[in-house]
């Protein structure tokens, strides 16, 4: 996510894109309003979830990566571990049967 945009505005835009496309999005945990990182949990169906996190890239443009986890319990476990070590972290959950994440940033390993 671009560092020049406060996190709370970035999250609002993400939720708006999801809503306009017919998906449901909500903030599960609010972090630092100005500079917190954001995890995006995407629920496709009961028990099927993906997790997207900011990818480390100190010099280039902001990007995300899809984290490997076994279903929703695995995703929730990753979120809990990240939250335990980062109190500024935001967690956004999107429910979309098509599995869309609505990120405008590149996602590593995903075709544009």
PDB file of N, CA and C in Angstrom:
ATOM      1  N   UNK A   1       0.837  -1.163   0.000  1.00  0.00           N
ATOM      2  CA  UNK A   1       0.000   0.000   0.000  1.00  0.00           C
ATOM      3  C   UNK A   1       0.880   1.222   0.000  1.00  0.00           C
ATOM      4  N   UNK A   2       0.541   2.231  -0.760  1.00  0.00           N
ATOM      5  CA  UNK A   2       1.387   3.414  -0.857  1.00  0.00           C
ATOM      6  C   UNK A   2       1.544   4.095   0.494  1.00  0.00           C
ATOM      7  N   UNK A   3       2.754   4.409   0.871  1.00  0.00           N
ATOM      8  CA  UNK A   3       3.014   5.030   2.166  1.00  0.00           C
ATOM      9  C   UNK A   3       2.507   6.466   2.252  1.00  0.00           C
ATOM     10  N   UNK A   4       2.303   7.143   1.130  1.00  0.00           N
ATOM     11  CA  UNK A   4       1.831   8.521   1.185  1.00  0.00           C
ATOM     12  C   UNK A   4       0.334   8.605   1.490  1.00  0.00           C
ATOM     13  N   UNK A   5      -0.369   7.509   1.439  1.00  0.00           N
ATOM     14  CA  UNK A   5      -1.802   7.477   1.740  1.00  0.00           C
ATOM     15  C   UNK A   5      -1.987   6.889   3.141  1.00  0.00           C
ATOM     16  N   UNK A   6      -2.692   7.612   4.034  1.00  0.00           N
ATOM     17  CA  UNK A   6      -2.937   7.052   5.367  1.00  0.00           C
ATOM     18  C   UNK A   6      -3.701   5.730   5.260  1.00  0.00           C
ATOM     19  N   UNK A   7      -3.386   4.825   6.145  1.00  0.00           N
ATOM     20  CA  UNK A   7      -3.980   3.487   6.099  1.00  0.00           C
ATOM     21  C   UNK A   7      -5.502   3.530   6.157  1.00  0.00           C
ATOM     22  N   UNK A   8      -6.061   4.370   7.000  1.00  0.00           N
ATOM     23  CA  UNK A   8      -7.530   4.387   7.124  1.00  0.00           C
ATOM     24  C   UNK A   8      -8.197   4.773   5.802  1.00  0.00           C
ATOM     25  N   UNK A   9      -7.579   5.643   5.012  1.00  0.00           N
ATOM     26  CA  UNK A   9      -8.139   5.990   3.694  1.00  0.00           C
ATOM     27  C   UNK A   9      -7.983   4.839   2.708  1.00  0.00           C
ATOM     28  N   UNK A  10      -6.831   4.184   2.749  1.00  0.00           N
ATOM     29  CA  UNK A  10      -6.570   3.045   1.863  1.00  0.00           C
ATOM     30  C   UNK A  10      -7.588   1.941   2.129  1.00  0.00           C
ATOM     31  N   UNK A  11      -7.840   1.648   3.410  1.00  0.00           N
ATOM     32  CA  UNK A  11      -8.811   0.613   3.784  1.00  0.00           C
ATOM     33  C   UNK A  11     -10.213   1.010   3.325  1.00  0.00           C
ATOM     34  N   UNK A  12     -10.581   2.267   3.505  1.00  0.00           N
ATOM     35  CA  UNK A  12     -11.898   2.731   3.059  1.00  0.00           C
ATOM     36  C   UNK A  12     -12.073   2.533   1.558  1.00  0.00           C
ATOM     37  N   UNK A  13     -11.032   2.829   0.790  1.00  0.00           N
ATOM     38  CA  UNK A  13     -11.104   2.652  -0.664  1.00  0.00           C
ATOM     39  C   UNK A  13     -11.240   1.177  -1.030  1.00  0.00           C
ATOM     40  N   UNK A  14     -10.510   0.305  -0.340  1.00  0.00           N
ATOM     41  CA  UNK A  14     -10.602  -1.134  -0.585  1.00  0.00           C
ATOM     42  C   UNK A  14     -12.023  -1.632  -0.319  1.00  0.00           C
ATOM     43  N   UNK A  15     -12.586  -1.231   0.808  1.00  0.00           N
ATOM     44  CA  UNK A  15     -13.947  -1.653   1.155  1.00  0.00           C
ATOM     45  C   UNK A  15     -14.966  -1.107   0.158  1.00  0.00           C
ATOM     46  N   UNK A  16     -14.747   0.088  -0.317  1.00  0.00           N
ATOM     47  CA  UNK A  16     -15.660   0.680  -1.305  1.00  0.00           C
ATOM     48  C   UNK A  16     -15.611  -0.089  -2.621  1.00  0.00           C
ATOM     49  N   UNK A  17     -14.388  -0.445  -3.085  1.00  0.00           N
ATOM     50  CA  UNK A  17     -14.270  -1.233  -4.326  1.00  0.00           C
ATOM     51  C   UNK A  17     -15.008  -2.556  -4.190  1.00  0.00           C
ATOM     52  N   UNK A  18     -14.866  -3.200  -3.044  1.00  0.00           N
ATOM     53  CA  UNK A  18     -15.545  -4.473  -2.813  1.00  0.00           C
ATOM     54  C   UNK A  18     -17.060  -4.286  -2.832  1.00  0.00           C
ATOM     55  N   UNK A  19     -17.541  -3.264  -2.164  1.00  0.00           N
ATOM     56  CA  UNK A  19     -18.973  -3.008  -2.092  1.00  0.00           C
ATOM     57  C   UNK A  19     -19.569  -2.710  -3.467  1.00  0.00           C
ATOM     58  N   UNK A  20     -18.902  -1.882  -4.230  1.00  0.00           N
ATOM     59  CA  UNK A  20     -19.391  -1.525  -5.569  1.00  0.00           C
ATOM     60  C   UNK A  20     -19.476  -2.764  -6.460  1.00  0.00           C
ATOM     61  N   UNK A  21     -18.572  -3.728  -6.249  1.00  0.00           N
ATOM     62  CA  UNK A  21     -18.553  -4.948  -7.056  1.00  0.00           C
ATOM     63  C   UNK A  21     -19.507  -6.021  -6.532  1.00  0.00           C
ATOM     64  N   UNK A  22     -20.228  -5.733  -5.441  1.00  0.00           N
ATOM     65  CA  UNK A  22     -21.203  -6.681  -4.924  1.00  0.00           C
ATOM     66  C   UNK A  22     -20.684  -7.614  -3.859  1.00  0.00           C
ATOM     67  N   UNK A  23     -19.489  -7.367  -3.352  1.00  0.00           N
ATOM     68  CA  UNK A  23     -18.926  -8.187  -2.275  1.00  0.00           C
ATOM     69  C   UNK A  23     -19.171  -7.478  -0.942  1.00  0.00           C
ATOM     70  N   UNK A  24     -18.940  -8.191   0.143  1.00  0.00           N
ATOM     71  CA  UNK A  24     -19.090  -7.616   1.473  1.00  0.00           C
ATOM     72  C   UNK A  24     -17.719  -7.551   2.122  1.00  0.00           C
ATOM     73  N   UNK A  25     -17.367  -6.389   2.635  1.00  0.00           N
ATOM     74  CA  UNK A  25     -16.092  -6.239   3.316  1.00  0.00           C
ATOM     75  C   UNK A  25     -16.287  -5.572   4.658  1.00  0.00           C
ATOM     76  N   UNK A  26     -15.439  -5.945   5.608  1.00  0.00           N
ATOM     77  CA  UNK A  26     -15.525  -5.355   6.946  1.00  0.00           C
ATOM     78  C   UNK A  26     -14.138  -5.284   7.572  1.00  0.00           C
ATOM     79  N   UNK A  27     -13.992  -4.383   8.511  1.00  0.00           N
ATOM     80  CA  UNK A  27     -12.751  -4.262   9.268  1.00  0.00           C
ATOM     81  C   UNK A  27     -12.877  -5.160  10.483  1.00  0.00           C
ATOM     82  N   UNK A  28     -11.997  -6.142  10.582  1.00  0.00           N
ATOM     83  CA  UNK A  28     -12.003  -7.065  11.717  1.00  0.00           C
ATOM     84  C   UNK A  28     -11.167  -6.490  12.857  1.00  0.00           C
ATOM     85  N   UNK A  29     -10.079  -5.809  12.508  1.00  0.00           N
ATOM     86  CA  UNK A  29      -9.223  -5.189  13.520  1.00  0.00           C
ATOM     87  C   UNK A  29      -8.644  -3.899  12.960  1.00  0.00           C
ATOM     88  N   UNK A  30      -8.777  -2.817  13.728  1.00  0.00           N
ATOM     89  CA  UNK A  30      -8.209  -1.528  13.333  1.00  0.00           C
ATOM     90  C   UNK A  30      -6.820  -1.373  13.949  1.00  0.00           C
ATOM     91  N   UNK A  31      -5.885  -0.992  13.102  1.00  0.00           N
ATOM     92  CA  UNK A  31      -4.536  -0.718  13.566  1.00  0.00           C
ATOM     93  C   UNK A  31      -4.285   0.780  13.568  1.00  0.00           C
ATOM     94  N   UNK A  32      -3.046   1.146  13.394  1.00  0.00           N
ATOM     95  CA  UNK A  32      -2.662   2.554  13.356  1.00  0.00           C
ATOM     96  C   UNK A  32      -3.295   3.221  12.134  1.00  0.00           C
ATOM     97  N   UNK A  33      -4.022   4.302  12.354  1.00  0.00           N
ATOM     98  CA  UNK A  33      -4.780   4.962  11.284  1.00  0.00           C
ATOM     99  C   UNK A  33      -3.901   5.543  10.191  1.00  0.00           C
ATOM    100  N   UNK A  34      -2.680   5.903  10.524  1.00  0.00           N
ATOM    101  CA  UNK A  34      -1.816   6.572   9.556  1.00  0.00           C
ATOM    102  C   UNK A  34      -0.845   5.640   8.845  1.00  0.00           C
ATOM    103  N   UNK A  35      -0.325   4.618   9.535  1.00  0.00           N
ATOM    104  CA  UNK A  35       0.767   3.852   8.938  1.00  0.00           C
ATOM    105  C   UNK A  35       0.732   2.344   9.183  1.00  0.00           C
ATOM    106  N   UNK A  36      -0.357   1.805   9.649  1.00  0.00           N
ATOM    107  CA  UNK A  36      -0.414   0.370   9.905  1.00  0.00           C
ATOM    108  C   UNK A  36      -0.455  -0.446   8.622  1.00  0.00           C
ATOM    109  N   UNK A  37       0.150  -1.629   8.658  1.00  0.00           N
ATOM    110  CA  UNK A  37       0.036  -2.566   7.528  1.00  0.00           C
ATOM    111  C   UNK A  37      -1.349  -3.208   7.562  1.00  0.00           C
ATOM    112  N   UNK A  38      -1.748  -3.795   6.426  1.00  0.00           N
ATOM    113  CA  UNK A  38      -3.088  -4.387   6.309  1.00  0.00           C
ATOM    114  C   UNK A  38      -2.989  -5.820   5.810  1.00  0.00           C
ATOM    115  N   UNK A  39      -3.653  -6.732   6.510  1.00  0.00           N
ATOM    116  CA  UNK A  39      -3.853  -8.093   6.025  1.00  0.00           C
ATOM    117  C   UNK A  39      -5.260  -8.151   5.440  1.00  0.00           C
ATOM    118  N   UNK A  40      -5.383  -8.783   4.281  1.00  0.00           N
ATOM    119  CA  UNK A  40      -6.684  -8.906   3.623  1.00  0.00           C
ATOM    120  C   UNK A  40      -7.052 -10.384   3.553  1.00  0.00           C
ATOM    121  N   UNK A  41      -8.097 -10.744   4.293  1.00  0.00           N
ATOM    122  CA  UNK A  41      -8.610 -12.117   4.295  1.00  0.00           C
ATOM    123  C   UNK A  41      -9.779 -12.165   3.324  1.00  0.00           C
ATOM    124  N   UNK A  42      -9.731 -13.097   2.379  1.00  0.00           N
ATOM    125  CA  UNK A  42     -10.792 -13.240   1.394  1.00  0.00           C
ATOM    126  C   UNK A  42     -11.481 -14.579   1.610  1.00  0.00           C
ATOM    127  N   UNK A  43     -12.774 -14.513   1.929  1.00  0.00           N
ATOM    128  CA  UNK A  43     -13.589 -15.708   2.129  1.00  0.00           C
ATOM    129  C   UNK A  43     -14.339 -16.010   0.839  1.00  0.00           C
ATOM    130  N   UNK A  44     -14.105 -17.218   0.280  1.00  0.00           N
ATOM    131  CA  UNK A  44     -14.822 -17.631  -0.928  1.00  0.00           C
ATOM    132  C   UNK A  44     -16.079 -18.410  -0.572  1.00  0.00           C
ATOM    133  N   UNK A  45     -15.959 -19.350   0.311  1.00  0.00           N
ATOM    134  CA  UNK A  45     -17.062 -20.201   0.755  1.00  0.00           C
ATOM    135  C   UNK A  45     -16.734 -20.651   2.170  1.00  0.00           C
ATOM    136  N   UNK A  46     -17.659 -21.321   2.802  1.00  0.00           N
ATOM    137  CA  UNK A  46     -17.465 -21.778   4.168  1.00  0.00           C
ATOM    138  C   UNK A  46     -16.169 -22.581   4.270  1.00  0.00           C
ATOM    139  N   UNK A  47     -15.218 -22.099   5.068  1.00  0.00           N
ATOM    140  CA  UNK A  47     -13.968 -22.805   5.289  1.00  0.00           C
ATOM    141  C   UNK A  47     -12.889 -22.552   4.246  1.00  0.00           C
ATOM    142  N   UNK A  48     -13.210 -21.826   3.172  1.00  0.00           N
ATOM    143  CA  UNK A  48     -12.232 -21.539   2.121  1.00  0.00           C
ATOM    144  C   UNK A  48     -11.834 -20.067   2.202  1.00  0.00           C
ATOM    145  N   UNK A  49     -10.554 -19.836   2.498  1.00  0.00           N
ATOM    146  CA  UNK A  49     -10.086 -18.466   2.649  1.00  0.00           C
ATOM    147  C   UNK A  49      -8.670 -18.320   2.112  1.00  0.00           C
ATOM    148  N   UNK A  50      -8.352 -17.102   1.683  1.00  0.00           N
ATOM    149  CA  UNK A  50      -7.005 -16.735   1.266  1.00  0.00           C
ATOM    150  C   UNK A  50      -6.582 -15.529   2.092  1.00  0.00           C
ATOM    151  N   UNK A  51      -5.270 -15.350   2.219  1.00  0.00           N
ATOM    152  CA  UNK A  51      -4.754 -14.224   2.982  1.00  0.00           C
ATOM    153  C   UNK A  51      -3.698 -13.502   2.165  1.00  0.00           C
ATOM    154  N   UNK A  52      -3.847 -12.189   2.082  1.00  0.00           N
ATOM    155  CA  UNK A  52      -2.909 -11.339   1.356  1.00  0.00           C
ATOM    156  C   UNK A  52      -2.250 -10.383   2.340  1.00  0.00           C
ATOM    157  N   UNK A  53      -0.929 -10.260   2.222  1.00  0.00           N
ATOM    158  CA  UNK A  53      -0.157  -9.406   3.120  1.00  0.00           C
ATOM    159  C   UNK A  53       0.811  -8.560   2.306  1.00  0.00           C
ATOM    160  N   UNK A  54       1.200  -7.399   2.847  1.00  0.00           N
ATOM    161  CA  UNK A  54       2.181  -6.586   2.139  1.00  0.00           C
ATOM    162  C   UNK A  54       3.473  -7.387   1.935  1.00  0.00           C
ATOM    163  N   UNK A  55       4.015  -7.305   0.741  1.00  0.00           N
ATOM    164  CA  UNK A  55       5.261  -7.998   0.424  1.00  0.00           C
ATOM    165  C   UNK A  55       6.423  -7.068   0.736  1.00  0.00           C
ATOM    166  N   UNK A  56       7.489  -7.618   1.259  1.00  0.00           N
ATOM    167  CA  UNK A  56       8.668  -6.810   1.554  1.00  0.00           C
ATOM    168  C   UNK A  56       9.312  -6.364   0.253  1.00  0.00           C
ATOM    169  N   UNK A  57       9.411  -5.074   0.076  1.00  0.00           N
ATOM    170  CA  UNK A  57      10.018  -4.505  -1.117  1.00  0.00           C
ATOM    171  C   UNK A  57      10.526  -3.107  -0.764  1.00  0.00           C
ATOM    172  N   UNK A  58      11.753  -2.994  -0.215  1.00  0.00           N
ATOM    173  CA  UNK A  58      12.230  -1.713   0.311  1.00  0.00           C
ATOM    174  C   UNK A  58      12.434  -0.618  -0.729  1.00  0.00           C
ATOM    175  N   UNK A  59      12.626  -0.974  -1.982  1.00  0.00           N
ATOM    176  CA  UNK A  59      12.946   0.040  -2.980  1.00  0.00           C
ATOM    177  C   UNK A  59      11.882   0.244  -4.049  1.00  0.00           C
ATOM    178  N   UNK A  60      11.091  -0.763  -4.318  1.00  0.00           N
ATOM    179  CA  UNK A  60      10.147  -0.689  -5.429  1.00  0.00           C
ATOM    180  C   UNK A  60       8.759  -0.286  -5.005  1.00  0.00           C
ATOM    181  N   UNK A  61       7.819  -0.383  -5.934  1.00  0.00           N
ATOM    182  CA  UNK A  61       6.438  -0.027  -5.624  1.00  0.00           C
ATOM    183  C   UNK A  61       5.823  -1.026  -4.647  1.00  0.00           C
ATOM    184  N   UNK A  62       4.789  -0.581  -3.965  1.00  0.00           N
ATOM    185  CA  UNK A  62       4.105  -1.445  -3.005  1.00  0.00           C
ATOM    186  C   UNK A  62       3.484  -2.638  -3.719  1.00  0.00           C
ATOM    187  N   UNK A  63       3.541  -3.777  -3.069  1.00  0.00           N
ATOM    188  CA  UNK A  63       2.910  -4.966  -3.625  1.00  0.00           C
ATOM    189  C   UNK A  63       2.444  -5.851  -2.475  1.00  0.00           C
ATOM    190  N   UNK A  64       1.654  -6.841  -2.812  1.00  0.00           N
ATOM    191  CA  UNK A  64       1.154  -7.802  -1.843  1.00  0.00           C
ATOM    192  C   UNK A  64       1.592  -9.196  -2.263  1.00  0.00           C
ATOM    193  N   UNK A  65       1.466 -10.140  -1.353  1.00  0.00           N
ATOM    194  CA  UNK A  65       1.707 -11.539  -1.660  1.00  0.00           C
ATOM    195  C   UNK A  65       0.616 -12.370  -1.000  1.00  0.00           C
ATOM    196  N   UNK A  66       0.279 -13.458  -1.670  1.00  0.00           N
ATOM    197  CA  UNK A  66      -0.702 -14.392  -1.119  1.00  0.00           C
ATOM    198  C   UNK A  66       0.053 -15.351  -0.227  1.00  0.00           C
ATOM    199  N   UNK A  67      -0.346 -15.433   1.044  1.00  0.00           N
ATOM    200  CA  UNK A  67       0.315 -16.323   1.997  1.00  0.00           C
ATOM    201  C   UNK A  67      -0.297 -17.709   1.913  1.00  0.00           C
ATOM    202  N   UNK A  68       0.542 -18.713   2.061  1.00  0.00           N
ATOM    203  CA  UNK A  68       0.079 -20.093   2.007  1.00  0.00           C
ATOM    204  C   UNK A  68      -0.490 -20.506   3.359  1.00  0.00           C
ATOM    205  N   UNK A  69      -1.715 -20.988   3.351  1.00  0.00           N
ATOM    206  CA  UNK A  69      -2.373 -21.465   4.570  1.00  0.00           C
ATOM    207  C   UNK A  69      -3.409 -22.504   4.179  1.00  0.00           C
ATOM    208  N   UNK A  70      -3.673 -23.427   5.097  1.00  0.00           N
ATOM    209  CA  UNK A  70      -4.662 -24.477   4.862  1.00  0.00           C
ATOM    210  C   UNK A  70      -6.042 -24.016   5.301  1.00  0.00           C
ATOM    211  N   UNK A  71      -6.832 -23.516   4.374  1.00  0.00           N
ATOM    212  CA  UNK A  71      -8.209 -23.130   4.650  1.00  0.00           C
ATOM    213  C   UNK A  71      -8.332 -22.011   5.659  1.00  0.00           C
ATOM    214  N   UNK A  72      -9.546 -21.778   6.107  1.00  0.00           N
ATOM    215  CA  UNK A  72      -9.805 -20.679   7.036  1.00  0.00           C
ATOM    216  C   UNK A  72      -9.084 -20.834   8.375  1.00  0.00           C
ATOM    217  N   UNK A  73      -9.004 -22.043   8.964  1.00  0.00           N
ATOM    218  CA  UNK A  73      -8.275 -22.156  10.225  1.00  0.00           C
ATOM    219  C   UNK A  73      -6.792 -21.763  10.088  1.00  0.00           C
ATOM    220  N   UNK A  74      -6.179 -22.122   8.983  1.00  0.00           N
ATOM    221  CA  UNK A  74      -4.787 -21.748   8.746  1.00  0.00           C
ATOM    222  C   UNK A  74      -4.622 -20.253   8.569  1.00  0.00           C
ATOM    223  N   UNK A  75      -5.549 -19.641   7.847  1.00  0.00           N
ATOM    224  CA  UNK A  75      -5.531 -18.183   7.650  1.00  0.00           C
ATOM    225  C   UNK A  75      -5.696 -17.489   8.995  1.00  0.00           C
ATOM    226  N   UNK A  76      -6.661 -17.931   9.796  1.00  0.00           N
ATOM    227  CA  UNK A  76      -6.890 -17.314  11.102  1.00  0.00           C
ATOM    228  C   UNK A  76      -5.678 -17.456  12.013  1.00  0.00           C
ATOM    229  N   UNK A  77      -4.981 -18.575  11.920  1.00  0.00           N
ATOM    230  CA  UNK A  77      -3.769 -18.781  12.713  1.00  0.00           C
ATOM    231  C   UNK A  77      -2.666 -17.806  12.299  1.00  0.00           C
ATOM    232  N   UNK A  78      -2.490 -17.617  10.991  1.00  0.00           N
ATOM    233  CA  UNK A  78      -1.502 -16.641  10.509  1.00  0.00           C
ATOM    234  C   UNK A  78      -1.845 -15.234  10.981  1.00  0.00           C
ATOM    235  N   UNK A  79      -3.113 -14.877  10.912  1.00  0.00           N
ATOM    236  CA  UNK A  79      -3.548 -13.551  11.358  1.00  0.00           C
ATOM    237  C   UNK A  79      -3.244 -13.369  12.848  1.00  0.00           C
ATOM    238  N   UNK A  80      -3.556 -14.362  13.650  1.00  0.00           N
ATOM    239  CA  UNK A  80      -3.317 -14.273  15.093  1.00  0.00           C
ATOM    240  C   UNK A  80      -1.833 -14.088  15.399  1.00  0.00           C
ATOM    241  N   UNK A  81      -0.973 -14.817  14.688  1.00  0.00           N
ATOM    242  CA  UNK A  81       0.471 -14.674  14.907  1.00  0.00           C
ATOM    243  C   UNK A  81       0.953 -13.284  14.526  1.00  0.00           C
ATOM    244  N   UNK A  82       0.472 -12.784  13.397  1.00  0.00           N
ATOM    245  CA  UNK A  82       0.888 -11.441  12.949  1.00  0.00           C
ATOM    246  C   UNK A  82       0.391 -10.365  13.922  1.00  0.00           C
ATOM    247  N   UNK A  83      -0.856 -10.503  14.369  1.00  0.00           N
ATOM    248  CA  UNK A  83      -1.407  -9.504  15.303  1.00  0.00           C
ATOM    249  C   UNK A  83      -0.672  -9.497  16.629  1.00  0.00           C
ATOM    250  N   UNK A  84      -0.207 -10.670  17.058  1.00  0.00           N
ATOM    251  CA  UNK A  84       0.521 -10.760  18.327  1.00  0.00           C
ATOM    252  C   UNK A  84       1.837  -9.982  18.274  1.00  0.00           C
ATOM    253  N   UNK A  85       2.418  -9.861  17.092  1.00  0.00           N
ATOM    254  CA  UNK A  85       3.707  -9.180  16.981  1.00  0.00           C
ATOM    255  C   UNK A  85       3.614  -7.776  16.383  1.00  0.00           C
ATOM    256  N   UNK A  86       2.418  -7.332  15.989  1.00  0.00           N
ATOM    257  CA  UNK A  86       2.264  -6.019  15.357  1.00  0.00           C
ATOM    258  C   UNK A  86       0.944  -5.386  15.783  1.00  0.00           C
ATOM    259  N   UNK A  87       1.000  -4.522  16.780  1.00  0.00           N
ATOM    260  CA  UNK A  87      -0.239  -3.919  17.285  1.00  0.00           C
ATOM    261  C   UNK A  87      -0.812  -2.860  16.344  1.00  0.00           C
ATOM    262  N   UNK A  88      -0.025  -2.414  15.355  1.00  0.00           N
ATOM    263  CA  UNK A  88      -0.498  -1.423  14.383  1.00  0.00           C
ATOM    264  C   UNK A  88      -1.222  -2.055  13.200  1.00  0.00           C
ATOM    265  N   UNK A  89      -1.287  -3.383  13.162  1.00  0.00           N
ATOM    266  CA  UNK A  89      -1.824  -4.139  12.030  1.00  0.00           C
ATOM    267  C   UNK A  89      -3.346  -4.005  11.896  1.00  0.00           C
ATOM    268  N   UNK A  90      -3.792  -3.829  10.668  1.00  0.00           N
ATOM    269  CA  UNK A  90      -5.214  -3.857  10.336  1.00  0.00           C
ATOM    270  C   UNK A  90      -5.535  -5.229   9.752  1.00  0.00           C
ATOM    271  N   UNK A  91      -6.759  -5.701   9.975  1.00  0.00           N
ATOM    272  CA  UNK A  91      -7.237  -6.931   9.353  1.00  0.00           C
ATOM    273  C   UNK A  91      -8.582  -6.614   8.699  1.00  0.00           C
ATOM    274  N   UNK A  92      -8.646  -6.824   7.381  1.00  0.00           N
ATOM    275  CA  UNK A  92      -9.865  -6.594   6.616  1.00  0.00           C
ATOM    276  C   UNK A  92     -10.330  -7.937   6.079  1.00  0.00           C
ATOM    277  N   UNK A  93     -11.615  -8.216   6.212  1.00  0.00           N
ATOM    278  CA  UNK A  93     -12.175  -9.460   5.681  1.00  0.00           C
ATOM    279  C   UNK A  93     -13.159  -9.128   4.564  1.00  0.00           C
ATOM    280  N   UNK A  94     -12.984  -9.820   3.439  1.00  0.00           N
ATOM    281  CA  UNK A  94     -13.872  -9.641   2.287  1.00  0.00           C
ATOM    282  C   UNK A  94     -14.536 -10.971   1.987  1.00  0.00           C
ATOM    283  N   UNK A  95     -15.858 -10.962   1.876  1.00  0.00           N
ATOM    284  CA  UNK A  95     -16.606 -12.147   1.483  1.00  0.00           C
ATOM    285  C   UNK A  95     -17.005 -11.988   0.023  1.00  0.00           C
ATOM    286  N   UNK A  96     -16.471 -12.881  -0.812  1.00  0.00           N
ATOM    287  CA  UNK A  96     -16.749 -12.819  -2.247  1.00  0.00           C
ATOM    288  C   UNK A  96     -16.662 -14.232  -2.808  1.00  0.00           C
ATOM    289  N   UNK A  97     -17.762 -14.746  -3.332  1.00  0.00           N
ATOM    290  CA  UNK A  97     -17.783 -16.126  -3.828  1.00  0.00           C
ATOM    291  C   UNK A  97     -16.795 -16.350  -4.971  1.00  0.00           C
ATOM    292  N   UNK A  98     -16.433 -15.282  -5.691  1.00  0.00           N
ATOM    293  CA  UNK A  98     -15.452 -15.406  -6.776  1.00  0.00           C
ATOM    294  C   UNK A  98     -14.017 -15.340  -6.259  1.00  0.00           C
ATOM    295  N   UNK A  99     -13.833 -15.009  -4.985  1.00  0.00           N
ATOM    296  CA  UNK A  99     -12.495 -14.967  -4.404  1.00  0.00           C
ATOM    297  C   UNK A  99     -11.678 -13.740  -4.783  1.00  0.00           C
ATOM    298  N   UNK A 100     -12.338 -12.654  -5.177  1.00  0.00           N
ATOM    299  CA  UNK A 100     -11.620 -11.432  -5.556  1.00  0.00           C
ATOM    300  C   UNK A 100     -11.111 -10.706  -4.311  1.00  0.00           C
ATOM    301  N   UNK A 101      -9.906 -10.149  -4.410  1.00  0.00           N
ATOM    302  CA  UNK A 101      -9.315  -9.439  -3.266  1.00  0.00           C
ATOM    303  C   UNK A 101      -9.478  -7.922  -3.360  1.00  0.00           C
ATOM    304  N   UNK A 102      -9.725  -7.392  -4.539  1.00  0.00           N
ATOM    305  CA  UNK A 102      -9.961  -5.972  -4.784  1.00  0.00           C
ATOM    306  C   UNK A 102      -8.743  -5.089  -4.520  1.00  0.00           C
ATOM    307  N   UNK A 103      -7.565  -5.690  -4.458  1.00  0.00           N
ATOM    308  CA  UNK A 103      -6.331  -4.915  -4.312  1.00  0.00           C
ATOM    309  C   UNK A 103      -5.984  -4.300  -5.662  1.00  0.00           C
ATOM    310  N   UNK A 104      -5.540  -3.060  -5.658  1.00  0.00           N
ATOM    311  CA  UNK A 104      -5.082  -2.424  -6.894  1.00  0.00           C
ATOM    312  C   UNK A 104      -3.572  -2.557  -7.028  1.00  0.00           C
ATOM    313  N   UNK A 105      -2.891  -2.890  -5.931  1.00  0.00           N
ATOM    314  CA  UNK A 105      -1.452  -3.117  -5.962  1.00  0.00           C
ATOM    315  C   UNK A 105      -1.170  -4.475  -6.591  1.00  0.00           C
ATOM    316  N   UNK A 106       0.026  -4.630  -7.183  1.00  0.00           N
ATOM    317  CA  UNK A 106       0.369  -5.955  -7.732  1.00  0.00           C
ATOM    318  C   UNK A 106       0.420  -7.005  -6.619  1.00  0.00           C
ATOM    319  N   UNK A 107       0.030  -8.233  -6.976  1.00  0.00           N
ATOM    320  CA  UNK A 107       0.127  -9.352  -6.048  1.00  0.00           C
ATOM    321  C   UNK A 107       1.162 -10.309  -6.635  1.00  0.00           C
ATOM    322  N   UNK A 108       2.210 -10.568  -5.872  1.00  0.00           N
ATOM    323  CA  UNK A 108       3.280 -11.432  -6.354  1.00  0.00           C
ATOM    324  C   UNK A 108       2.741 -12.798  -6.781  1.00  0.00           C
ATOM    325  N   UNK A 109       3.166 -13.254  -7.946  1.00  0.00           N
ATOM    326  CA  UNK A 109       2.775 -14.555  -8.444  1.00  0.00           C
ATOM    327  C   UNK A 109       1.429 -14.569  -9.151  1.00  0.00           C
ATOM    328  N   UNK A 110       0.758 -13.444  -9.187  1.00  0.00           N
ATOM    329  CA  UNK A 110      -0.551 -13.350  -9.835  1.00  0.00           C
ATOM    330  C   UNK A 110      -0.387 -12.656 -11.181  1.00  0.00           C
ATOM    331  N   UNK A 111      -1.051 -13.179 -12.188  1.00  0.00           N
ATOM    332  CA  UNK A 111      -0.962 -12.566 -13.508  1.00  0.00           C
ATOM    333  C   UNK A 111      -1.789 -11.283 -13.525  1.00  0.00           C
ATOM    334  N   UNK A 112      -1.255 -10.216 -14.140  1.00  0.00           N
ATOM    335  CA  UNK A 112      -1.973  -8.934 -14.155  1.00  0.00           C
ATOM    336  C   UNK A 112      -3.252  -8.970 -14.958  1.00  0.00           C
TER     337      UNK A 112
END
